[in-house]
PDB file of N, CA and C in Angstrom:
ATOM      1  N   MET A   1       2.154 -28.190   6.304  1.00  0.00           N
ATOM      2  CA  MET A   1       0.895 -27.751   5.750  1.00  0.00           C
ATOM      3  C   MET A   1       1.122 -26.490   4.919  1.00  0.00           C
ATOM      4  N   VAL A   2       0.608 -26.464   3.715  1.00  0.00           N
ATOM      5  CA  VAL A   2       0.739 -25.314   2.831  1.00  0.00           C
ATOM      6  C   VAL A   2      -0.518 -24.469   2.943  1.00  0.00           C
ATOM      7  N   VAL A   3      -0.334 -23.188   3.211  1.00  0.00           N
ATOM      8  CA  VAL A   3      -1.460 -22.267   3.308  1.00  0.00           C
ATOM      9  C   VAL A   3      -1.541 -21.484   2.018  1.00  0.00           C
ATOM     10  N   LYS A   4      -2.695 -21.538   1.354  1.00  0.00           N
ATOM     11  CA  LYS A   4      -2.878 -20.778   0.127  1.00  0.00           C
ATOM     12  C   LYS A   4      -3.351 -19.385   0.505  1.00  0.00           C
ATOM     13  N   ILE A   5      -2.684 -18.380  -0.052  1.00  0.00           N
ATOM     14  CA  ILE A   5      -3.061 -17.012   0.298  1.00  0.00           C
ATOM     15  C   ILE A   5      -4.004 -16.401  -0.718  1.00  0.00           C
ATOM     16  N   GLY A   6      -4.489 -17.219  -1.627  1.00  0.00           N
ATOM     17  CA  GLY A   6      -5.524 -16.747  -2.543  1.00  0.00           C
ATOM     18  C   GLY A   6      -4.988 -16.103  -3.800  1.00  0.00           C
ATOM     19  N   ILE A   7      -5.889 -15.960  -4.726  1.00  0.00           N
ATOM     20  CA  ILE A   7      -5.556 -15.343  -5.995  1.00  0.00           C
ATOM     21  C   ILE A   7      -5.680 -13.832  -5.853  1.00  0.00           C
ATOM     22  N   LYS A   8      -4.650 -13.141  -6.217  1.00  0.00           N
ATOM     23  CA  LYS A   8      -4.654 -11.684  -6.170  1.00  0.00           C
ATOM     24  C   LYS A   8      -5.058 -11.192  -7.551  1.00  0.00           C
ATOM     25  N   ARG A   9      -6.082 -10.347  -7.640  1.00  0.00           N
ATOM     26  CA  ARG A   9      -6.628 -10.003  -8.944  1.00  0.00           C
ATOM     27  C   ARG A   9      -6.404  -8.567  -9.399  1.00  0.00           C
ATOM     28  N   HIS A  10      -5.792  -7.750  -8.563  1.00  0.00           N
ATOM     29  CA  HIS A  10      -5.539  -6.358  -8.933  1.00  0.00           C
ATOM     30  C   HIS A  10      -4.048  -6.122  -9.119  1.00  0.00           C
ATOM     31  N   ARG A  11      -3.682  -5.441 -10.191  1.00  0.00           N
ATOM     32  CA  ARG A  11      -2.291  -5.086 -10.433  1.00  0.00           C
ATOM     33  C   ARG A  11      -2.069  -3.694  -9.837  1.00  0.00           C
ATOM     34  N   ILE A  12      -1.148  -3.572  -8.897  1.00  0.00           N
ATOM     35  CA  ILE A  12      -0.893  -2.287  -8.243  1.00  0.00           C
ATOM     36  C   ILE A  12       0.578  -1.920  -8.366  1.00  0.00           C
ATOM     37  N   ASP A  13       0.839  -0.632  -8.214  1.00  0.00           N
ATOM     38  CA  ASP A  13       2.209  -0.131  -8.181  1.00  0.00           C
ATOM     39  C   ASP A  13       2.518   0.345  -6.773  1.00  0.00           C
ATOM     40  N   LEU A  14       3.677  -0.027  -6.272  1.00  0.00           N
ATOM     41  CA  LEU A  14       4.164   0.473  -4.996  1.00  0.00           C
ATOM     42  C   LEU A  14       5.088   1.632  -5.328  1.00  0.00           C
ATOM     43  N   GLU A  15       4.820   2.787  -4.720  1.00  0.00           N
ATOM     44  CA  GLU A  15       5.584   3.997  -5.042  1.00  0.00           C
ATOM     45  C   GLU A  15       6.274   4.561  -3.809  1.00  0.00           C
ATOM     46  N   ARG A  16       7.454   5.114  -4.055  1.00  0.00           N
ATOM     47  CA  ARG A  16       8.258   5.711  -2.983  1.00  0.00           C
ATOM     48  C   ARG A  16       8.587   7.143  -3.362  1.00  0.00           C
ATOM     49  N   ALA A  17       8.582   8.026  -2.367  1.00  0.00           N
ATOM     50  CA  ALA A  17       8.877   9.437  -2.605  1.00  0.00           C
ATOM     51  C   ALA A  17      10.346   9.624  -2.954  1.00  0.00           C
ATOM     52  N   GLY A  18      10.563  10.526  -3.875  1.00  0.00           N
ATOM     53  CA  GLY A  18      11.915  10.895  -4.263  1.00  0.00           C
ATOM     54  C   GLY A  18      11.971  12.398  -4.478  1.00  0.00           C
ATOM     55  N   ARG A  19      13.113  12.896  -4.825  1.00  0.00           N
ATOM     56  CA  ARG A  19      13.291  14.327  -5.099  1.00  0.00           C
ATOM     57  C   ARG A  19      13.875  14.490  -6.496  1.00  0.00           C
ATOM     58  N   THR A  20      13.328  15.435  -7.229  1.00  0.00           N
ATOM     59  CA  THR A  20      13.810  15.756  -8.568  1.00  0.00           C
ATOM     60  C   THR A  20      14.126  17.240  -8.625  1.00  0.00           C
ATOM     61  N   GLN A  21      15.209  17.567  -9.278  1.00  0.00           N
ATOM     62  CA  GLN A  21      15.578  18.967  -9.419  1.00  0.00           C
ATOM     63  C   GLN A  21      14.926  19.536 -10.676  1.00  0.00           C
ATOM     64  N   THR A  22      14.243  20.670 -10.517  1.00  0.00           N
ATOM     65  CA  THR A  22      13.604  21.330 -11.653  1.00  0.00           C
ATOM     66  C   THR A  22      14.635  22.110 -12.450  1.00  0.00           C
ATOM     67  N   THR A  23      14.216  22.633 -13.579  1.00  0.00           N
ATOM     68  CA  THR A  23      15.134  23.422 -14.417  1.00  0.00           C
ATOM     69  C   THR A  23      15.604  24.694 -13.719  1.00  0.00           C
ATOM     70  N   THR A  24      14.825  25.151 -12.715  1.00  0.00           N
ATOM     71  CA  THR A  24      15.222  26.353 -11.969  1.00  0.00           C
ATOM     72  C   THR A  24      16.105  26.016 -10.771  1.00  0.00           C
ATOM     73  N   GLY A  25      16.359  24.720 -10.564  1.00  0.00           N
ATOM     74  CA  GLY A  25      17.224  24.313  -9.465  1.00  0.00           C
ATOM     75  C   GLY A  25      16.501  23.936  -8.189  1.00  0.00           C
ATOM     76  N   ASP A  26      15.180  24.116  -8.165  1.00  0.00           N
ATOM     77  CA  ASP A  26      14.405  23.754  -6.976  1.00  0.00           C
ATOM     78  C   ASP A  26      14.223  22.238  -6.908  1.00  0.00           C
ATOM     79  N   LEU A  27      14.133  21.731  -5.690  1.00  0.00           N
ATOM     80  CA  LEU A  27      13.839  20.310  -5.506  1.00  0.00           C
ATOM     81  C   LEU A  27      12.340  20.139  -5.353  1.00  0.00           C
ATOM     82  N   THR A  28      11.790  19.154  -6.036  1.00  0.00           N
ATOM     83  CA  THR A  28      10.368  18.880  -5.949  1.00  0.00           C
ATOM     84  C   THR A  28      10.156  17.401  -5.633  1.00  0.00           C
ATOM     85  N   LYS A  29       9.116  17.107  -4.866  1.00  0.00           N
ATOM     86  CA  LYS A  29       8.800  15.730  -4.492  1.00  0.00           C
ATOM     87  C   LYS A  29       8.156  15.021  -5.677  1.00  0.00           C
ATOM     88  N   THR A  30       8.668  13.833  -5.982  1.00  0.00           N
ATOM     89  CA  THR A  30       8.088  13.009  -7.031  1.00  0.00           C
ATOM     90  C   THR A  30       7.852  11.609  -6.474  1.00  0.00           C
ATOM     91  N   TRP A  31       6.983  10.865  -7.113  1.00  0.00           N
ATOM     92  CA  TRP A  31       6.717   9.490  -6.702  1.00  0.00           C
ATOM     93  C   TRP A  31       7.235   8.556  -7.782  1.00  0.00           C
ATOM     94  N   VAL A  32       8.011   7.558  -7.364  1.00  0.00           N
ATOM     95  CA  VAL A  32       8.648   6.635  -8.288  1.00  0.00           C
ATOM     96  C   VAL A  32       8.210   5.210  -7.957  1.00  0.00           C
ATOM     97  N   ARG A  33       7.779   4.483  -8.990  1.00  0.00           N
ATOM     98  CA  ARG A  33       7.385   3.084  -8.775  1.00  0.00           C
ATOM     99  C   ARG A  33       8.621   2.257  -8.471  1.00  0.00           C
ATOM    100  N   PHE A  34       8.558   1.479  -7.376  1.00  0.00           N
ATOM    101  CA  PHE A  34       9.661   0.583  -7.079  1.00  0.00           C
ATOM    102  C   PHE A  34       9.255  -0.876  -7.198  1.00  0.00           C
ATOM    103  N   ALA A  35       7.955  -1.134  -7.398  1.00  0.00           N
ATOM    104  CA  ALA A  35       7.500  -2.508  -7.614  1.00  0.00           C
ATOM    105  C   ALA A  35       6.099  -2.494  -8.210  1.00  0.00           C
ATOM    106  N   ARG A  36       5.805  -3.512  -8.990  1.00  0.00           N
ATOM    107  CA  ARG A  36       4.452  -3.754  -9.502  1.00  0.00           C
ATOM    108  C   ARG A  36       4.100  -5.175  -9.087  1.00  0.00           C
ATOM    109  N   VAL A  37       3.008  -5.301  -8.328  1.00  0.00           N
ATOM    110  CA  VAL A  37       2.633  -6.598  -7.765  1.00  0.00           C
ATOM    111  C   VAL A  37       1.132  -6.850  -7.938  1.00  0.00           C
ATOM    112  N   TRP A  38       0.760  -8.110  -7.782  1.00  0.00           N
ATOM    113  CA  TRP A  38      -0.653  -8.481  -7.757  1.00  0.00           C
ATOM    114  C   TRP A  38      -1.132  -8.366  -6.323  1.00  0.00           C
ATOM    115  N   ALA A  39      -2.360  -7.869  -6.149  1.00  0.00           N
ATOM    116  CA  ALA A  39      -2.891  -7.657  -4.800  1.00  0.00           C
ATOM    117  C   ALA A  39      -4.414  -7.732  -4.813  1.00  0.00           C
ATOM    118  N   ASP A  40      -4.980  -7.749  -3.631  1.00  0.00           N
ATOM    119  CA  ASP A  40      -6.418  -7.571  -3.442  1.00  0.00           C
ATOM    120  C   ASP A  40      -6.609  -6.206  -2.797  1.00  0.00           C
ATOM    121  N   VAL A  41      -7.420  -5.363  -3.399  1.00  0.00           N
ATOM    122  CA  VAL A  41      -7.752  -4.057  -2.843  1.00  0.00           C
ATOM    123  C   VAL A  41      -9.168  -4.200  -2.293  1.00  0.00           C
ATOM    124  N   ILE A  42      -9.278  -4.117  -0.963  1.00  0.00           N
ATOM    125  CA  ILE A  42     -10.533  -4.436  -0.290  1.00  0.00           C
ATOM    126  C   ILE A  42     -11.072  -3.212   0.445  1.00  0.00           C
ATOM    127  N   PRO A  43     -12.227  -2.685   0.022  1.00  0.00           N
ATOM    128  CA  PRO A  43     -12.833  -1.587   0.787  1.00  0.00           C
ATOM    129  C   PRO A  43     -13.314  -2.113   2.141  1.00  0.00           C
ATOM    130  N   LEU A  44     -13.071  -1.341   3.183  1.00  0.00           N
ATOM    131  CA  LEU A  44     -13.543  -1.738   4.513  1.00  0.00           C
ATOM    132  C   LEU A  44     -14.955  -1.212   4.714  1.00  0.00           C
ATOM    133  N   ARG A  45     -15.757  -1.987   5.420  1.00  0.00           N
ATOM    134  CA  ARG A  45     -17.150  -1.600   5.640  1.00  0.00           C
ATOM    135  C   ARG A  45     -17.408  -1.410   7.133  1.00  0.00           C
ATOM    136  N   GLY A  46     -18.345  -0.540   7.409  1.00  0.00           N
ATOM    137  CA  GLY A  46     -18.901  -0.362   8.747  1.00  0.00           C
ATOM    138  C   GLY A  46     -17.960  -0.589   9.897  1.00  0.00           C
ATOM    139  N   ALA A  47     -18.168  -1.677  10.632  1.00  0.00           N
ATOM    140  CA  ALA A  47     -17.420  -1.955  11.856  1.00  0.00           C
ATOM    141  C   ALA A  47     -15.931  -2.125  11.593  1.00  0.00           C
ATOM    142  N   GLU A  48     -15.559  -2.709  10.430  1.00  0.00           N
ATOM    143  CA  GLU A  48     -14.143  -2.874  10.118  1.00  0.00           C
ATOM    144  C   GLU A  48     -13.457  -1.515  10.052  1.00  0.00           C
ATOM    145  N   ALA A  49     -14.070  -0.563   9.377  1.00  0.00           N
ATOM    146  CA  ALA A  49     -13.485   0.767   9.231  1.00  0.00           C
ATOM    147  C   ALA A  49     -13.416   1.474  10.580  1.00  0.00           C
ATOM    148  N   ILE A  50     -14.463   1.372  11.381  1.00  0.00           N
ATOM    149  CA  ILE A  50     -14.482   2.016  12.699  1.00  0.00           C
ATOM    150  C   ILE A  50     -13.413   1.408  13.591  1.00  0.00           C
ATOM    151  N   GLN A  51     -13.301   0.078  13.583  1.00  0.00           N
ATOM    152  CA  GLN A  51     -12.302  -0.589  14.407  1.00  0.00           C
ATOM    153  C   GLN A  51     -10.894  -0.185  13.969  1.00  0.00           C
ATOM    154  N   ALA A  52     -10.641  -0.129  12.678  1.00  0.00           N
ATOM    155  CA  ALA A  52      -9.321   0.250  12.174  1.00  0.00           C
ATOM    156  C   ALA A  52      -8.993   1.693  12.522  1.00  0.00           C
ATOM    157  N   GLN A  53      -9.988   2.566  12.527  1.00  0.00           N
ATOM    158  CA  GLN A  53      -9.750   3.982  12.785  1.00  0.00           C
ATOM    159  C   GLN A  53      -9.460   4.268  14.257  1.00  0.00           C
ATOM    160  N   GLN A  54      -9.761   3.351  15.137  1.00  0.00           N
ATOM    161  CA  GLN A  54      -9.513   3.610  16.547  1.00  0.00           C
ATOM    162  C   GLN A  54      -8.028   3.625  16.871  1.00  0.00           C
ATOM    163  N   THR A  55      -7.222   2.987  16.048  1.00  0.00           N
ATOM    164  CA  THR A  55      -5.790   2.959  16.332  1.00  0.00           C
ATOM    165  C   THR A  55      -4.967   3.731  15.307  1.00  0.00           C
ATOM    166  N   THR A  56      -5.579   4.126  14.196  1.00  0.00           N
ATOM    167  CA  THR A  56      -4.835   4.833  13.157  1.00  0.00           C
ATOM    168  C   THR A  56      -5.680   5.971  12.611  1.00  0.00           C
ATOM    169  N   ALA A  57      -5.116   6.679  11.665  1.00  0.00           N
ATOM    170  CA  ALA A  57      -5.860   7.725  10.962  1.00  0.00           C
ATOM    171  C   ALA A  57      -6.965   7.070  10.131  1.00  0.00           C
ATOM    172  N   THR A  58      -7.705   7.852   9.393  1.00  0.00           N
ATOM    173  CA  THR A  58      -8.790   7.340   8.585  1.00  0.00           C
ATOM    174  C   THR A  58      -8.319   6.185   7.713  1.00  0.00           C
ATOM    175  N   VAL A  59      -8.996   5.062   7.812  1.00  0.00           N
ATOM    176  CA  VAL A  59      -8.661   3.876   7.036  1.00  0.00           C
ATOM    177  C   VAL A  59      -9.895   3.470   6.248  1.00  0.00           C
ATOM    178  N   THR A  60      -9.771   3.380   4.932  1.00  0.00           N
ATOM    179  CA  THR A  60     -10.911   2.999   4.103  1.00  0.00           C
ATOM    180  C   THR A  60     -10.673   1.719   3.316  1.00  0.00           C
ATOM    181  N   HIS A  61      -9.412   1.301   3.170  1.00  0.00           N
ATOM    182  CA  HIS A  61      -9.097   0.126   2.366  1.00  0.00           C
ATOM    183  C   HIS A  61      -7.993  -0.718   2.997  1.00  0.00           C
ATOM    184  N   SER A  62      -8.074  -2.000   2.711  1.00  0.00           N
ATOM    185  CA  SER A  62      -7.015  -2.945   3.052  1.00  0.00           C
ATOM    186  C   SER A  62      -6.453  -3.453   1.727  1.00  0.00           C
ATOM    187  N   ILE A  63      -5.137  -3.500   1.618  1.00  0.00           N
ATOM    188  CA  ILE A  63      -4.491  -3.953   0.395  1.00  0.00           C
ATOM    189  C   ILE A  63      -3.569  -5.105   0.771  1.00  0.00           C
ATOM    190  N   ARG A  64      -3.903  -6.298   0.265  1.00  0.00           N
ATOM    191  CA  ARG A  64      -3.131  -7.496   0.593  1.00  0.00           C
ATOM    192  C   ARG A  64      -2.351  -7.965  -0.616  1.00  0.00           C
ATOM    193  N   MET A  65      -1.087  -8.283  -0.387  1.00  0.00           N
ATOM    194  CA  MET A  65      -0.211  -8.726  -1.480  1.00  0.00           C
ATOM    195  C   MET A  65       0.728  -9.806  -0.978  1.00  0.00           C
ATOM    196  N   ARG A  66       1.235 -10.601  -1.896  1.00  0.00           N
ATOM    197  CA  ARG A  66       2.250 -11.580  -1.533  1.00  0.00           C
ATOM    198  C   ARG A  66       3.518 -10.841  -1.119  1.00  0.00           C
ATOM    199  N   ARG A  67       4.243 -11.437  -0.218  1.00  0.00           N
ATOM    200  CA  ARG A  67       5.510 -10.842   0.208  1.00  0.00           C
ATOM    201  C   ARG A  67       6.563 -11.159  -0.841  1.00  0.00           C
ATOM    202  N   THR A  68       7.174 -10.127  -1.353  1.00  0.00           N
ATOM    203  CA  THR A  68       8.284 -10.249  -2.294  1.00  0.00           C
ATOM    204  C   THR A  68       9.435  -9.428  -1.720  1.00  0.00           C
ATOM    205  N   PRO A  69      10.629  -9.534  -2.268  1.00  0.00           N
ATOM    206  CA  PRO A  69      11.713  -8.684  -1.756  1.00  0.00           C
ATOM    207  C   PRO A  69      11.348  -7.195  -1.803  1.00  0.00           C
ATOM    208  N   GLU A  70      10.571  -6.791  -2.843  1.00  0.00           N
ATOM    209  CA  GLU A  70      10.186  -5.384  -2.971  1.00  0.00           C
ATOM    210  C   GLU A  70       9.080  -5.021  -1.988  1.00  0.00           C
ATOM    211  N   SER A  71       8.033  -5.832  -1.930  1.00  0.00           N
ATOM    212  CA  SER A  71       6.909  -5.492  -1.045  1.00  0.00           C
ATOM    213  C   SER A  71       7.313  -5.562   0.431  1.00  0.00           C
ATOM    214  N   ALA A  72       8.336  -6.333   0.749  1.00  0.00           N
ATOM    215  CA  ALA A  72       8.805  -6.432   2.130  1.00  0.00           C
ATOM    216  C   ALA A  72       9.400  -5.113   2.616  1.00  0.00           C
ATOM    217  N   THR A  73       9.762  -4.209   1.679  1.00  0.00           N
ATOM    218  CA  THR A  73      10.339  -2.926   2.075  1.00  0.00           C
ATOM    219  C   THR A  73       9.278  -1.825   2.182  1.00  0.00           C
ATOM    220  N   LEU A  74       8.016  -2.152   1.886  1.00  0.00           N
ATOM    221  CA  LEU A  74       6.933  -1.172   1.931  1.00  0.00           C
ATOM    222  C   LEU A  74       6.760  -0.615   3.340  1.00  0.00           C
ATOM    223  N   THR A  75       6.595   0.703   3.453  1.00  0.00           N
ATOM    224  CA  THR A  75       6.374   1.358   4.748  1.00  0.00           C
ATOM    225  C   THR A  75       5.217   2.349   4.616  1.00  0.00           C
ATOM    226  N   PRO A  76       4.695   2.863   5.730  1.00  0.00           N
ATOM    227  CA  PRO A  76       3.645   3.879   5.653  1.00  0.00           C
ATOM    228  C   PRO A  76       4.077   5.167   4.951  1.00  0.00           C
ATOM    229  N   ALA A  77       5.366   5.377   4.774  1.00  0.00           N
ATOM    230  CA  ALA A  77       5.837   6.559   4.042  1.00  0.00           C
ATOM    231  C   ALA A  77       5.646   6.400   2.534  1.00  0.00           C
ATOM    232  N   ASP A  78       5.406   5.164   2.077  1.00  0.00           N
ATOM    233  CA  ASP A  78       5.192   4.881   0.665  1.00  0.00           C
ATOM    234  C   ASP A  78       3.714   5.029   0.337  1.00  0.00           C
ATOM    235  N   ARG A  79       3.358   4.767  -0.913  1.00  0.00           N
ATOM    236  CA  ARG A  79       1.949   4.796  -1.291  1.00  0.00           C
ATOM    237  C   ARG A  79       1.686   3.731  -2.340  1.00  0.00           C
ATOM    238  N   VAL A  80       0.397   3.469  -2.574  1.00  0.00           N
ATOM    239  CA  VAL A  80      -0.029   2.466  -3.544  1.00  0.00           C
ATOM    240  C   VAL A  80      -0.827   3.156  -4.637  1.00  0.00           C
ATOM    241  N   LYS A  81      -0.508   2.819  -5.884  1.00  0.00           N
ATOM    242  CA  LYS A  81      -1.271   3.333  -7.015  1.00  0.00           C
ATOM    243  C   LYS A  81      -2.024   2.156  -7.628  1.00  0.00           C
ATOM    244  N   PHE A  82      -3.336   2.314  -7.751  1.00  0.00           N
ATOM    245  CA  PHE A  82      -4.208   1.278  -8.294  1.00  0.00           C
ATOM    246  C   PHE A  82      -5.008   1.920  -9.423  1.00  0.00           C
ATOM    247  N   GLY A  83      -4.544   1.726 -10.648  1.00  0.00           N
ATOM    248  CA  GLY A  83      -5.148   2.433 -11.780  1.00  0.00           C
ATOM    249  C   GLY A  83      -4.899   3.918 -11.610  1.00  0.00           C
ATOM    250  N   ARG A  84      -5.971   4.710 -11.592  1.00  0.00           N
ATOM    251  CA  ARG A  84      -5.839   6.150 -11.367  1.00  0.00           C
ATOM    252  C   ARG A  84      -5.983   6.519  -9.892  1.00  0.00           C
ATOM    253  N   ARG A  85      -6.267   5.536  -9.068  1.00  0.00           N
ATOM    254  CA  ARG A  85      -6.468   5.787  -7.641  1.00  0.00           C
ATOM    255  C   ARG A  85      -5.147   5.687  -6.891  1.00  0.00           C
ATOM    256  N   ILE A  86      -4.991   6.551  -5.891  1.00  0.00           N
ATOM    257  CA  ILE A  86      -3.783   6.552  -5.074  1.00  0.00           C
ATOM    258  C   ILE A  86      -4.184   6.398  -3.609  1.00  0.00           C
ATOM    259  N   PHE A  87      -3.475   5.515  -2.916  1.00  0.00           N
ATOM    260  CA  PHE A  87      -3.753   5.256  -1.508  1.00  0.00           C
ATOM    261  C   PHE A  87      -2.569   5.656  -0.647  1.00  0.00           C
ATOM    262  N   GLU A  88      -2.841   6.506   0.334  1.00  0.00           N
ATOM    263  CA  GLU A  88      -1.852   6.880   1.337  1.00  0.00           C
ATOM    264  C   GLU A  88      -1.936   5.810   2.421  1.00  0.00           C
ATOM    265  N   LEU A  89      -0.798   5.314   2.862  1.00  0.00           N
ATOM    266  CA  LEU A  89      -0.785   4.198   3.804  1.00  0.00           C
ATOM    267  C   LEU A  89      -0.698   4.673   5.255  1.00  0.00           C
ATOM    268  N   THR A  90      -1.387   3.944   6.121  1.00  0.00           N
ATOM    269  CA  THR A  90      -1.307   4.225   7.553  1.00  0.00           C
ATOM    270  C   THR A  90      -0.583   3.107   8.308  1.00  0.00           C
ATOM    271  N   SER A  91      -0.600   1.887   7.752  1.00  0.00           N
ATOM    272  CA  SER A  91       0.141   0.796   8.379  1.00  0.00           C
ATOM    273  C   SER A  91       0.485  -0.265   7.343  1.00  0.00           C
ATOM    274  N   VAL A  92       1.555  -0.992   7.627  1.00  0.00           N
ATOM    275  CA  VAL A  92       1.991  -2.111   6.794  1.00  0.00           C
ATOM    276  C   VAL A  92       2.419  -3.219   7.746  1.00  0.00           C
ATOM    277  N   VAL A  93       1.821  -4.393   7.602  1.00  0.00           N
ATOM    278  CA  VAL A  93       2.162  -5.509   8.495  1.00  0.00           C
ATOM    279  C   VAL A  93       2.392  -6.795   7.702  1.00  0.00           C
ATOM    280  N   ASP A  94       3.243  -7.635   8.258  1.00  0.00           N
ATOM    281  CA  ASP A  94       3.467  -8.981   7.732  1.00  0.00           C
ATOM    282  C   ASP A  94       2.434  -9.858   8.444  1.00  0.00           C
ATOM    283  N   ILE A  95       1.431 -10.303   7.708  1.00  0.00           N
ATOM    284  CA  ILE A  95       0.316 -11.037   8.312  1.00  0.00           C
ATOM    285  C   ILE A  95       0.827 -12.311   8.974  1.00  0.00           C
ATOM    286  N   GLY A  96       0.545 -12.436  10.256  1.00  0.00           N
ATOM    287  CA  GLY A  96       0.954 -13.609  11.021  1.00  0.00           C
ATOM    288  C   GLY A  96       2.453 -13.757  11.179  1.00  0.00           C
ATOM    289  N   GLU A  97       3.210 -12.752  10.771  1.00  0.00           N
ATOM    290  CA  GLU A  97       4.672 -12.789  10.824  1.00  0.00           C
ATOM    291  C   GLU A  97       5.226 -14.073  10.217  1.00  0.00           C
ATOM    292  N   ARG A  98       4.620 -14.467   9.072  1.00  0.00           N
ATOM    293  CA  ARG A  98       5.030 -15.705   8.414  1.00  0.00           C
ATOM    294  C   ARG A  98       5.846 -15.445   7.156  1.00  0.00           C
ATOM    295  N   ARG A  99       6.057 -14.167   6.823  1.00  0.00           N
ATOM    296  CA  ARG A  99       6.851 -13.795   5.650  1.00  0.00           C
ATOM    297  C   ARG A  99       6.248 -14.335   4.356  1.00  0.00           C
ATOM    298  N   ARG A 100       4.898 -14.311   4.296  1.00  0.00           N
ATOM    299  CA  ARG A 100       4.197 -14.805   3.114  1.00  0.00           C
ATOM    300  C   ARG A 100       3.292 -13.749   2.492  1.00  0.00           C
ATOM    301  N   GLU A 101       2.675 -12.921   3.344  1.00  0.00           N
ATOM    302  CA  GLU A 101       1.695 -11.963   2.850  1.00  0.00           C
ATOM    303  C   GLU A 101       1.803 -10.653   3.623  1.00  0.00           C
ATOM    304  N   ILE A 102       1.670  -9.536   2.888  1.00  0.00           N
ATOM    305  CA  ILE A 102       1.742  -8.197   3.463  1.00  0.00           C
ATOM    306  C   ILE A 102       0.354  -7.571   3.377  1.00  0.00           C
ATOM    307  N   GLU A 103      -0.048  -6.879   4.443  1.00  0.00           N
ATOM    308  CA  GLU A 103      -1.291  -6.119   4.409  1.00  0.00           C
ATOM    309  C   GLU A 103      -0.977  -4.662   4.702  1.00  0.00           C
ATOM    310  N   ALA A 104      -1.390  -3.799   3.786  1.00  0.00           N
ATOM    311  CA  ALA A 104      -1.256  -2.354   3.973  1.00  0.00           C
ATOM    312  C   ALA A 104      -2.657  -1.794   4.139  1.00  0.00           C
ATOM    313  N   THR A 105      -2.827  -0.898   5.085  1.00  0.00           N
ATOM    314  CA  THR A 105      -4.116  -0.226   5.236  1.00  0.00           C
ATOM    315  C   THR A 105      -3.907   1.259   5.008  1.00  0.00           C
ATOM    316  N   GLY A 106      -4.954   1.906   4.501  1.00  0.00           N
ATOM    317  CA  GLY A 106      -4.844   3.320   4.229  1.00  0.00           C
ATOM    318  C   GLY A 106      -6.124   3.888   3.669  1.00  0.00           C
ATOM    319  N   HIS A 107      -5.993   5.064   3.087  1.00  0.00           N
ATOM    320  CA  HIS A 107      -7.159   5.725   2.522  1.00  0.00           C
ATOM    321  C   HIS A 107      -6.805   6.323   1.162  1.00  0.00           C
ATOM    322  N   GLU A 108      -7.845   6.464   0.342  1.00  0.00           N
ATOM    323  CA  GLU A 108      -7.666   7.004  -0.996  1.00  0.00           C
ATOM    324  C   GLU A 108      -7.491   8.515  -0.921  1.00  0.00           C
ATOM    325  N   ILE A 109      -6.553   9.015  -1.702  1.00  0.00           N
ATOM    326  CA  ILE A 109      -6.327  10.456  -1.771  1.00  0.00           C
ATOM    327  C   ILE A 109      -6.522  10.913  -3.209  1.00  0.00           C
ATOM    328  N   THR A 110      -6.688  12.189  -3.400  1.00  0.00           N
ATOM    329  CA  THR A 110      -6.802  12.742  -4.743  1.00  0.00           C
ATOM    330  C   THR A 110      -5.396  12.946  -5.291  1.00  0.00           C
ATOM    331  N   ALA A 111      -5.204  12.485  -6.511  1.00  0.00           N
ATOM    332  CA  ALA A 111      -3.871  12.593  -7.122  1.00  0.00           C
ATOM    333  C   ALA A 111      -3.499  14.016  -7.415  1.00  0.00           C
TER     334      ALA A 111
END
């Protein structure tokens, strides 16, 4: 049986923290895109947000994407950029442990 995981309509960037040396020799944290994927960015409402917050930090959005070699390496230490919006992640799971779809939950931060 083939399970369709739906059409993903948002183009997002998966970003990972790195370090860059400034002209003065100091190291500064930078964010580098390591993948661009199609996803669904879903705001959580009412009970969903409350239920999600009971086990993690503030959670306002769910971001679902197809599992690719790049998205499979996504961790809560990474972040998602959606247009000008940036999401700090609180969890990343392989939905149903079927190696088909990844769900990241988190909250929007100011860039």
